[in-house]
Amino acid sequence: MLAAGLKGINEKIQPPKPVEEDVYEFDNGKLAEFYIRTLPADLGEAVEELEKSKFMKETLGEHAFNKYVGIKKTEWVEYERSVTDWELKKYRNL
């Protein structure tokens, strides 16, 4: 977070104006109107976004960045292959 803050200061990046409405009910058009991007829906999407980030690669350093991305990809594969409690309860007695 410090690196992001320093980048904002050094590059004189202005934060957007605050949104005083409940954004939870916004549709895609309303989100776009306020320049609001949604967060990744799951770890897989988050890792995909992380891999695109030149800023994070520079901040963590290439070695740490690549290690972290690799660990998170492995974690995502493990999660995708697991059977959740919800699935067991839902489908066990079919």
PDB file of N, CA and C in Angstrom:
ATOM      1  N   MET A   1       0.831  -1.183   0.000  1.00  0.00           N
ATOM      2  CA  MET A   1       0.000   0.000   0.000  1.00  0.00           C
ATOM      3  C   MET A   1       0.875   1.246   0.000  1.00  0.00           C
ATOM      4  N   LEU A   2       1.991   1.171   0.689  1.00  0.00           N
ATOM      5  CA  LEU A   2       2.875   2.327   0.696  1.00  0.00           C
ATOM      6  C   LEU A   2       3.362   2.665  -0.710  1.00  0.00           C
ATOM      7  N   ALA A   3       3.720   1.625  -1.481  1.00  0.00           N
ATOM      8  CA  ALA A   3       4.192   1.856  -2.845  1.00  0.00           C
ATOM      9  C   ALA A   3       3.098   2.506  -3.682  1.00  0.00           C
ATOM     10  N   ALA A   4       1.863   2.074  -3.523  1.00  0.00           N
ATOM     11  CA  ALA A   4       0.755   2.658  -4.275  1.00  0.00           C
ATOM     12  C   ALA A   4       0.540   4.115  -3.871  1.00  0.00           C
ATOM     13  N   GLY A   5       0.618   4.383  -2.586  1.00  0.00           N
ATOM     14  CA  GLY A   5       0.471   5.759  -2.108  1.00  0.00           C
ATOM     15  C   GLY A   5       1.576   6.662  -2.630  1.00  0.00           C
ATOM     16  N   LEU A   6       2.802   6.176  -2.581  1.00  0.00           N
ATOM     17  CA  LEU A   6       3.928   6.956  -3.083  1.00  0.00           C
ATOM     18  C   LEU A   6       3.814   7.200  -4.584  1.00  0.00           C
ATOM     19  N   LYS A   7       3.359   6.205  -5.316  1.00  0.00           N
ATOM     20  CA  LYS A   7       3.166   6.383  -6.760  1.00  0.00           C
ATOM     21  C   LYS A   7       2.142   7.485  -7.016  1.00  0.00           C
ATOM     22  N   GLY A   8       1.063   7.458  -6.270  1.00  0.00           N
ATOM     23  CA  GLY A   8       0.033   8.488  -6.422  1.00  0.00           C
ATOM     24  C   GLY A   8       0.569   9.880  -6.128  1.00  0.00           C
ATOM     25  N   ILE A   9       1.389  10.002  -5.095  1.00  0.00           N
ATOM     26  CA  ILE A   9       1.979  11.294  -4.743  1.00  0.00           C
ATOM     27  C   ILE A   9       2.970  11.736  -5.817  1.00  0.00           C
ATOM     28  N   ASN A  10       3.874  10.839  -6.186  1.00  0.00           N
ATOM     29  CA  ASN A  10       4.910  11.181  -7.167  1.00  0.00           C
ATOM     30  C   ASN A  10       4.330  11.544  -8.533  1.00  0.00           C
ATOM     31  N   GLU A  11       3.270  10.865  -8.930  1.00  0.00           N
ATOM     32  CA  GLU A  11       2.666  11.117 -10.237  1.00  0.00           C
ATOM     33  C   GLU A  11       1.501  12.099 -10.168  1.00  0.00           C
ATOM     34  N   LYS A  12       1.275  12.630  -8.962  1.00  0.00           N
ATOM     35  CA  LYS A  12       0.198  13.610  -8.739  1.00  0.00           C
ATOM     36  C   LYS A  12      -1.155  13.097  -9.249  1.00  0.00           C
ATOM     37  N   ILE A  13      -1.432  11.845  -8.952  1.00  0.00           N
ATOM     38  CA  ILE A  13      -2.696  11.222  -9.360  1.00  0.00           C
ATOM     39  C   ILE A  13      -3.806  11.723  -8.437  1.00  0.00           C
ATOM     40  N   GLN A  14      -4.853  12.249  -9.024  1.00  0.00           N
ATOM     41  CA  GLN A  14      -5.981  12.749  -8.251  1.00  0.00           C
ATOM     42  C   GLN A  14      -6.997  11.629  -8.034  1.00  0.00           C
ATOM     43  N   PRO A  15      -7.401  11.395  -6.799  1.00  0.00           N
ATOM     44  CA  PRO A  15      -8.429  10.369  -6.571  1.00  0.00           C
ATOM     45  C   PRO A  15      -9.762  10.833  -7.133  1.00  0.00           C
ATOM     46  N   PRO A  16     -10.622   9.880  -7.491  1.00  0.00           N
ATOM     47  CA  PRO A  16     -11.944  10.270  -8.001  1.00  0.00           C
ATOM     48  C   PRO A  16     -12.789  10.875  -6.890  1.00  0.00           C
ATOM     49  N   LYS A  17     -13.828  11.580  -7.300  1.00  0.00           N
ATOM     50  CA  LYS A  17     -14.756  12.146  -6.316  1.00  0.00           C
ATOM     51  C   LYS A  17     -15.478  11.013  -5.594  1.00  0.00           C
ATOM     52  N   PRO A  18     -15.809  11.208  -4.335  1.00  0.00           N
ATOM     53  CA  PRO A  18     -16.517  10.147  -3.602  1.00  0.00           C
ATOM     54  C   PRO A  18     -17.921   9.932  -4.154  1.00  0.00           C
ATOM     55  N   VAL A  19     -18.396   8.711  -4.039  1.00  0.00           N
ATOM     56  CA  VAL A  19     -19.751   8.365  -4.443  1.00  0.00           C
ATOM     57  C   VAL A  19     -20.563   8.233  -3.166  1.00  0.00           C
ATOM     58  N   GLU A  20     -21.587   9.025  -3.049  1.00  0.00           N
ATOM     59  CA  GLU A  20     -22.385   9.075  -1.822  1.00  0.00           C
ATOM     60  C   GLU A  20     -23.602   8.153  -1.872  1.00  0.00           C
ATOM     61  N   GLU A  21     -23.700   7.352  -2.926  1.00  0.00           N
ATOM     62  CA  GLU A  21     -24.838   6.450  -3.087  1.00  0.00           C
ATOM     63  C   GLU A  21     -24.417   5.017  -2.741  1.00  0.00           C
ATOM     64  N   ASP A  22     -25.405   4.158  -2.517  1.00  0.00           N
ATOM     65  CA  ASP A  22     -25.152   2.747  -2.279  1.00  0.00           C
ATOM     66  C   ASP A  22     -24.850   2.083  -3.615  1.00  0.00           C
ATOM     67  N   VAL A  23     -23.579   1.763  -3.862  1.00  0.00           N
ATOM     68  CA  VAL A  23     -23.168   1.226  -5.159  1.00  0.00           C
ATOM     69  C   VAL A  23     -23.552  -0.237  -5.337  1.00  0.00           C
ATOM     70  N   TYR A  24     -23.999  -0.888  -4.299  1.00  0.00           N
ATOM     71  CA  TYR A  24     -24.337  -2.306  -4.374  1.00  0.00           C
ATOM     72  C   TYR A  24     -25.409  -2.587  -5.422  1.00  0.00           C
ATOM     73  N   GLU A  25     -26.339  -1.681  -5.569  1.00  0.00           N
ATOM     74  CA  GLU A  25     -27.457  -1.880  -6.504  1.00  0.00           C
ATOM     75  C   GLU A  25     -27.187  -1.309  -7.892  1.00  0.00           C
ATOM     76  N   PHE A  26     -26.011  -0.744  -8.136  1.00  0.00           N
ATOM     77  CA  PHE A  26     -25.705  -0.154  -9.437  1.00  0.00           C
ATOM     78  C   PHE A  26     -25.645  -1.226 -10.517  1.00  0.00           C
ATOM     79  N   ASP A  27     -26.191  -0.906 -11.688  1.00  0.00           N
ATOM     80  CA  ASP A  27     -26.019  -1.789 -12.842  1.00  0.00           C
ATOM     81  C   ASP A  27     -24.707  -1.399 -13.540  1.00  0.00           C
ATOM     82  N   ASN A  28     -24.361  -2.105 -14.606  1.00  0.00           N
ATOM     83  CA  ASN A  28     -23.089  -1.845 -15.286  1.00  0.00           C
ATOM     84  C   ASN A  28     -22.992  -0.416 -15.815  1.00  0.00           C
ATOM     85  N   GLY A  29     -24.103   0.122 -16.305  1.00  0.00           N
ATOM     86  CA  GLY A  29     -24.106   1.491 -16.814  1.00  0.00           C
ATOM     87  C   GLY A  29     -23.805   2.511 -15.737  1.00  0.00           C
ATOM     88  N   LYS A  30     -24.425   2.315 -14.589  1.00  0.00           N
ATOM     89  CA  LYS A  30     -24.215   3.239 -13.467  1.00  0.00           C
ATOM     90  C   LYS A  30     -22.785   3.107 -12.921  1.00  0.00           C
ATOM     91  N   LEU A  31     -22.262   1.896 -12.869  1.00  0.00           N
ATOM     92  CA  LEU A  31     -20.874   1.703 -12.443  1.00  0.00           C
ATOM     93  C   LEU A  31     -19.928   2.439 -13.386  1.00  0.00           C
ATOM     94  N   ALA A  32     -20.167   2.319 -14.685  1.00  0.00           N
ATOM     95  CA  ALA A  32     -19.323   2.982 -15.682  1.00  0.00           C
ATOM     96  C   ALA A  32     -19.421   4.504 -15.551  1.00  0.00           C
ATOM     97  N   GLU A  33     -20.605   4.992 -15.264  1.00  0.00           N
ATOM     98  CA  GLU A  33     -20.818   6.437 -15.114  1.00  0.00           C
ATOM     99  C   GLU A  33     -19.924   7.019 -14.015  1.00  0.00           C
ATOM    100  N   PHE A  34     -19.735   6.259 -12.944  1.00  0.00           N
ATOM    101  CA  PHE A  34     -18.907   6.704 -11.823  1.00  0.00           C
ATOM    102  C   PHE A  34     -17.479   6.148 -11.884  1.00  0.00           C
ATOM    103  N   TYR A  35     -17.141   5.494 -12.999  1.00  0.00           N
ATOM    104  CA  TYR A  35     -15.804   4.901 -13.183  1.00  0.00           C
ATOM    105  C   TYR A  35     -15.466   3.895 -12.082  1.00  0.00           C
ATOM    106  N   ILE A  36     -16.456   3.102 -11.719  1.00  0.00           N
ATOM    107  CA  ILE A  36     -16.265   2.092 -10.678  1.00  0.00           C
ATOM    108  C   ILE A  36     -16.050   0.741 -11.338  1.00  0.00           C
ATOM    109  N   ARG A  37     -14.924   0.120 -11.021  1.00  0.00           N
ATOM    110  CA  ARG A  37     -14.640  -1.219 -11.526  1.00  0.00           C
ATOM    111  C   ARG A  37     -14.953  -2.223 -10.432  1.00  0.00           C
ATOM    112  N   THR A  38     -15.425  -3.393 -10.817  1.00  0.00           N
ATOM    113  CA  THR A  38     -15.738  -4.424  -9.838  1.00  0.00           C
ATOM    114  C   THR A  38     -14.481  -5.244  -9.533  1.00  0.00           C
ATOM    115  N   LEU A  39     -14.476  -5.849  -8.374  1.00  0.00           N
ATOM    116  CA  LEU A  39     -13.372  -6.710  -7.979  1.00  0.00           C
ATOM    117  C   LEU A  39     -13.491  -8.063  -8.668  1.00  0.00           C
ATOM    118  N   PRO A  40     -12.388  -8.791  -8.777  1.00  0.00           N
ATOM    119  CA  PRO A  40     -12.467 -10.141  -9.345  1.00  0.00           C
ATOM    120  C   PRO A  40     -13.451 -10.993  -8.542  1.00  0.00           C
ATOM    121  N   ALA A  41     -14.120 -11.905  -9.232  1.00  0.00           N
ATOM    122  CA  ALA A  41     -15.138 -12.737  -8.593  1.00  0.00           C
ATOM    123  C   ALA A  41     -14.536 -13.875  -7.777  1.00  0.00           C
ATOM    124  N   ASP A  42     -13.309 -14.264  -8.101  1.00  0.00           N
ATOM    125  CA  ASP A  42     -12.691 -15.382  -7.393  1.00  0.00           C
ATOM    126  C   ASP A  42     -11.163 -15.264  -7.477  1.00  0.00           C
ATOM    127  N   LEU A  43     -10.479 -16.158  -6.824  1.00  0.00           N
ATOM    128  CA  LEU A  43      -9.021 -16.135  -6.809  1.00  0.00           C
ATOM    129  C   LEU A  43      -8.439 -16.297  -8.203  1.00  0.00           C
ATOM    130  N   GLY A  44      -9.047 -17.104  -9.039  1.00  0.00           N
ATOM    131  CA  GLY A  44      -8.561 -17.300 -10.400  1.00  0.00           C
ATOM    132  C   GLY A  44      -8.536 -15.988 -11.175  1.00  0.00           C
ATOM    133  N   GLU A  45      -9.635 -15.233 -11.106  1.00  0.00           N
ATOM    134  CA  GLU A  45      -9.691 -13.935 -11.777  1.00  0.00           C
ATOM    135  C   GLU A  45      -8.705 -12.951 -11.153  1.00  0.00           C
ATOM    136  N   ALA A  46      -8.544 -13.007  -9.839  1.00  0.00           N
ATOM    137  CA  ALA A  46      -7.621 -12.099  -9.157  1.00  0.00           C
ATOM    138  C   ALA A  46      -6.182 -12.347  -9.601  1.00  0.00           C
ATOM    139  N   VAL A  47      -5.806 -13.600  -9.743  1.00  0.00           N
ATOM    140  CA  VAL A  47      -4.449 -13.933 -10.191  1.00  0.00           C
ATOM    141  C   VAL A  47      -4.242 -13.473 -11.628  1.00  0.00           C
ATOM    142  N   GLU A  48      -5.256 -13.624 -12.469  1.00  0.00           N
ATOM    143  CA  GLU A  48      -5.160 -13.144 -13.852  1.00  0.00           C
ATOM    144  C   GLU A  48      -4.902 -11.639 -13.886  1.00  0.00           C
ATOM    145  N   GLU A  49      -5.599 -10.897 -13.050  1.00  0.00           N
ATOM    146  CA  GLU A  49      -5.404  -9.449 -12.984  1.00  0.00           C
ATOM    147  C   GLU A  49      -4.011  -9.115 -12.435  1.00  0.00           C
ATOM    148  N   LEU A  50      -3.593  -9.840 -11.416  1.00  0.00           N
ATOM    149  CA  LEU A  50      -2.271  -9.610 -10.828  1.00  0.00           C
ATOM    150  C   LEU A  50      -1.176  -9.808 -11.861  1.00  0.00           C
ATOM    151  N   GLU A  51      -1.293 -10.842 -12.660  1.00  0.00           N
ATOM    152  CA  GLU A  51      -0.274 -11.134 -13.678  1.00  0.00           C
ATOM    153  C   GLU A  51      -0.117  -9.989 -14.682  1.00  0.00           C
ATOM    154  N   LYS A  52      -1.159  -9.210 -14.894  1.00  0.00           N
ATOM    155  CA  LYS A  52      -1.118  -8.094 -15.841  1.00  0.00           C
ATOM    156  C   LYS A  52      -0.476  -6.838 -15.241  1.00  0.00           C
ATOM    157  N   SER A  53      -0.237  -6.841 -13.937  1.00  0.00           N
ATOM    158  CA  SER A  53       0.166  -5.630 -13.239  1.00  0.00           C
ATOM    159  C   SER A  53       1.682  -5.402 -13.271  1.00  0.00           C
ATOM    160  N   LYS A  54       2.087  -4.488 -14.104  1.00  0.00           N
ATOM    161  CA  LYS A  54       3.496  -4.076 -14.157  1.00  0.00           C
ATOM    162  C   LYS A  54       3.894  -3.442 -12.822  1.00  0.00           C
ATOM    163  N   PHE A  55       2.984  -2.672 -12.241  1.00  0.00           N
ATOM    164  CA  PHE A  55       3.241  -2.009 -10.964  1.00  0.00           C
ATOM    165  C   PHE A  55       3.570  -3.027  -9.870  1.00  0.00           C
ATOM    166  N   MET A  56       2.786  -4.096  -9.759  1.00  0.00           N
ATOM    167  CA  MET A  56       3.034  -5.095  -8.718  1.00  0.00           C
ATOM    168  C   MET A  56       4.342  -5.842  -8.964  1.00  0.00           C
ATOM    169  N   LYS A  57       4.641  -6.102 -10.215  1.00  0.00           N
ATOM    170  CA  LYS A  57       5.897  -6.777 -10.551  1.00  0.00           C
ATOM    171  C   LYS A  57       7.086  -5.913 -10.139  1.00  0.00           C
ATOM    172  N   GLU A  58       7.001  -4.614 -10.416  1.00  0.00           N
ATOM    173  CA  GLU A  58       8.064  -3.695 -10.024  1.00  0.00           C
ATOM    174  C   GLU A  58       8.144  -3.550  -8.510  1.00  0.00           C
ATOM    175  N   THR A  59       7.007  -3.511  -7.846  1.00  0.00           N
ATOM    176  CA  THR A  59       6.967  -3.310  -6.396  1.00  0.00           C
ATOM    177  C   THR A  59       7.528  -4.514  -5.649  1.00  0.00           C
ATOM    178  N   LEU A  60       7.109  -5.715  -6.037  1.00  0.00           N
ATOM    179  CA  LEU A  60       7.559  -6.921  -5.338  1.00  0.00           C
ATOM    180  C   LEU A  60       8.921  -7.401  -5.816  1.00  0.00           C
ATOM    181  N   GLY A  61       9.280  -7.017  -7.012  1.00  0.00           N
ATOM    182  CA  GLY A  61      10.477  -7.575  -7.642  1.00  0.00           C
ATOM    183  C   GLY A  61      10.064  -8.812  -8.426  1.00  0.00           C
ATOM    184  N   GLU A  62      10.770  -9.057  -9.511  1.00  0.00           N
ATOM    185  CA  GLU A  62      10.360 -10.134 -10.423  1.00  0.00           C
ATOM    186  C   GLU A  62      10.335 -11.502  -9.742  1.00  0.00           C
ATOM    187  N   HIS A  63      11.362 -11.811  -8.938  1.00  0.00           N
ATOM    188  CA  HIS A  63      11.425 -13.133  -8.302  1.00  0.00           C
ATOM    189  C   HIS A  63      10.245 -13.346  -7.348  1.00  0.00           C
ATOM    190  N   ALA A  64      10.033 -12.403  -6.421  1.00  0.00           N
ATOM    191  CA  ALA A  64       8.937 -12.546  -5.448  1.00  0.00           C
ATOM    192  C   ALA A  64       7.580 -12.547  -6.151  1.00  0.00           C
ATOM    193  N   PHE A  65       7.439 -11.692  -7.152  1.00  0.00           N
ATOM    194  CA  PHE A  65       6.194 -11.617  -7.913  1.00  0.00           C
ATOM    195  C   PHE A  65       5.883 -12.970  -8.557  1.00  0.00           C
ATOM    196  N   ASN A  66       6.864 -13.533  -9.261  1.00  0.00           N
ATOM    197  CA  ASN A  66       6.647 -14.816  -9.943  1.00  0.00           C
ATOM    198  C   ASN A  66       6.363 -15.937  -8.951  1.00  0.00           C
ATOM    199  N   LYS A  67       7.055 -15.941  -7.816  1.00  0.00           N
ATOM    200  CA  LYS A  67       6.809 -16.965  -6.786  1.00  0.00           C
ATOM    201  C   LYS A  67       5.379 -16.848  -6.257  1.00  0.00           C
ATOM    202  N   TYR A  68       4.984 -15.627  -5.931  1.00  0.00           N
ATOM    203  CA  TYR A  68       3.653 -15.401  -5.374  1.00  0.00           C
ATOM    204  C   TYR A  68       2.571 -15.824  -6.362  1.00  0.00           C
ATOM    205  N   VAL A  69       2.706 -15.409  -7.620  1.00  0.00           N
ATOM    206  CA  VAL A  69       1.730 -15.784  -8.647  1.00  0.00           C
ATOM    207  C   VAL A  69       1.666 -17.300  -8.778  1.00  0.00           C
ATOM    208  N   GLY A  70       2.810 -17.965  -8.775  1.00  0.00           N
ATOM    209  CA  GLY A  70       2.841 -19.424  -8.879  1.00  0.00           C
ATOM    210  C   GLY A  70       2.134 -20.101  -7.716  1.00  0.00           C
ATOM    211  N   ILE A  71       2.382 -19.592  -6.516  1.00  0.00           N
ATOM    212  CA  ILE A  71       1.733 -20.150  -5.320  1.00  0.00           C
ATOM    213  C   ILE A  71       0.221 -19.986  -5.413  1.00  0.00           C
ATOM    214  N   LYS A  72      -0.239 -18.819  -5.834  1.00  0.00           N
ATOM    215  CA  LYS A  72      -1.680 -18.558  -5.913  1.00  0.00           C
ATOM    216  C   LYS A  72      -2.344 -19.368  -7.025  1.00  0.00           C
ATOM    217  N   LYS A  73      -1.634 -19.598  -8.124  1.00  0.00           N
ATOM    218  CA  LYS A  73      -2.182 -20.446  -9.182  1.00  0.00           C
ATOM    219  C   LYS A  73      -2.359 -21.875  -8.670  1.00  0.00           C
ATOM    220  N   THR A  74      -1.367 -22.376  -7.946  1.00  0.00           N
ATOM    221  CA  THR A  74      -1.464 -23.718  -7.367  1.00  0.00           C
ATOM    222  C   THR A  74      -2.623 -23.792  -6.385  1.00  0.00           C
ATOM    223  N   GLU A  75      -2.758 -22.753  -5.551  1.00  0.00           N
ATOM    224  CA  GLU A  75      -3.860 -22.702  -4.589  1.00  0.00           C
ATOM    225  C   GLU A  75      -5.207 -22.735  -5.301  1.00  0.00           C
ATOM    226  N   TRP A  76      -5.335 -22.005  -6.415  1.00  0.00           N
ATOM    227  CA  TRP A  76      -6.586 -21.973  -7.159  1.00  0.00           C
ATOM    228  C   TRP A  76      -6.911 -23.339  -7.753  1.00  0.00           C
ATOM    229  N   VAL A  77      -5.915 -24.014  -8.308  1.00  0.00           N
ATOM    230  CA  VAL A  77      -6.127 -25.347  -8.875  1.00  0.00           C
ATOM    231  C   VAL A  77      -6.589 -26.307  -7.775  1.00  0.00           C
ATOM    232  N   GLU A  78      -5.960 -26.242  -6.606  1.00  0.00           N
ATOM    233  CA  GLU A  78      -6.369 -27.093  -5.479  1.00  0.00           C
ATOM    234  C   GLU A  78      -7.812 -26.810  -5.085  1.00  0.00           C
ATOM    235  N   TYR A  79      -8.167 -25.544  -5.034  1.00  0.00           N
ATOM    236  CA  TYR A  79      -9.531 -25.177  -4.664  1.00  0.00           C
ATOM    237  C   TYR A  79     -10.539 -25.695  -5.690  1.00  0.00           C
ATOM    238  N   GLU A  80     -10.234 -25.514  -6.968  1.00  0.00           N
ATOM    239  CA  GLU A  80     -11.153 -25.959  -8.017  1.00  0.00           C
ATOM    240  C   GLU A  80     -11.393 -27.461  -7.980  1.00  0.00           C
ATOM    241  N   ARG A  81     -10.412 -28.201  -7.522  1.00  0.00           N
ATOM    242  CA  ARG A  81     -10.526 -29.662  -7.478  1.00  0.00           C
ATOM    243  C   ARG A  81     -11.177 -30.167  -6.190  1.00  0.00           C
ATOM    244  N   SER A  82     -11.396 -29.290  -5.249  1.00  0.00           N
ATOM    245  CA  SER A  82     -11.962 -29.726  -3.972  1.00  0.00           C
ATOM    246  C   SER A  82     -13.489 -29.806  -4.042  1.00  0.00           C
ATOM    247  N   VAL A  83     -14.041 -30.604  -3.165  1.00  0.00           N
ATOM    248  CA  VAL A  83     -15.490 -30.724  -3.030  1.00  0.00           C
ATOM    249  C   VAL A  83     -15.868 -29.959  -1.777  1.00  0.00           C
ATOM    250  N   THR A  84     -16.774 -29.006  -1.915  1.00  0.00           N
ATOM    251  CA  THR A  84     -17.147 -28.156  -0.789  1.00  0.00           C
ATOM    252  C   THR A  84     -18.206 -28.823   0.080  1.00  0.00           C
ATOM    253  N   ASP A  85     -18.353 -28.317   1.290  1.00  0.00           N
ATOM    254  CA  ASP A  85     -19.413 -28.803   2.184  1.00  0.00           C
ATOM    255  C   ASP A  85     -20.783 -28.611   1.549  1.00  0.00           C
ATOM    256  N   TRP A  86     -20.962 -27.471   0.867  1.00  0.00           N
ATOM    257  CA  TRP A  86     -22.237 -27.207   0.214  1.00  0.00           C
ATOM    258  C   TRP A  86     -22.542 -28.294  -0.821  1.00  0.00           C
ATOM    259  N   GLU A  87     -21.552 -28.661  -1.634  1.00  0.00           N
ATOM    260  CA  GLU A  87     -21.760 -29.696  -2.647  1.00  0.00           C
ATOM    261  C   GLU A  87     -22.083 -31.042  -1.992  1.00  0.00           C
ATOM    262  N   LEU A  88     -21.395 -31.365  -0.919  1.00  0.00           N
ATOM    263  CA  LEU A  88     -21.677 -32.631  -0.223  1.00  0.00           C
ATOM    264  C   LEU A  88     -23.119 -32.663   0.296  1.00  0.00           C
ATOM    265  N   LYS A  89     -23.548 -31.582   0.944  1.00  0.00           N
ATOM    266  CA  LYS A  89     -24.905 -31.518   1.470  1.00  0.00           C
ATOM    267  C   LYS A  89     -25.950 -31.555   0.348  1.00  0.00           C
ATOM    268  N   LYS A  90     -25.647 -30.853  -0.732  1.00  0.00           N
ATOM    269  CA  LYS A  90     -26.599 -30.725  -1.830  1.00  0.00           C
ATOM    270  C   LYS A  90     -26.769 -32.040  -2.616  1.00  0.00           C
ATOM    271  N   TYR A  91     -25.671 -32.734  -2.877  1.00  0.00           N
ATOM    272  CA  TYR A  91     -25.702 -33.853  -3.819  1.00  0.00           C
ATOM    273  C   TYR A  91     -25.468 -35.238  -3.206  1.00  0.00           C
ATOM    274  N   ARG A  92     -25.183 -35.307  -1.928  1.00  0.00           N
ATOM    275  CA  ARG A  92     -24.854 -36.593  -1.312  1.00  0.00           C
ATOM    276  C   ARG A  92     -25.979 -37.622  -1.437  1.00  0.00           C
ATOM    277  N   ASN A  93     -27.213 -37.195  -1.267  1.00  0.00           N
ATOM    278  CA  ASN A  93     -28.328 -38.139  -1.215  1.00  0.00           C
ATOM    279  C   ASN A  93     -29.111 -38.247  -2.536  1.00  0.00           C
ATOM    280  N   LEU A  94     -28.527 -37.842  -3.623  1.00  0.00           N
ATOM    281  CA  LEU A  94     -29.249 -37.942  -4.892  1.00  0.00           C
ATOM    282  C   LEU A  94     -29.267 -39.349  -5.425  1.00  0.00           C
TER     283      LEU A  94
END
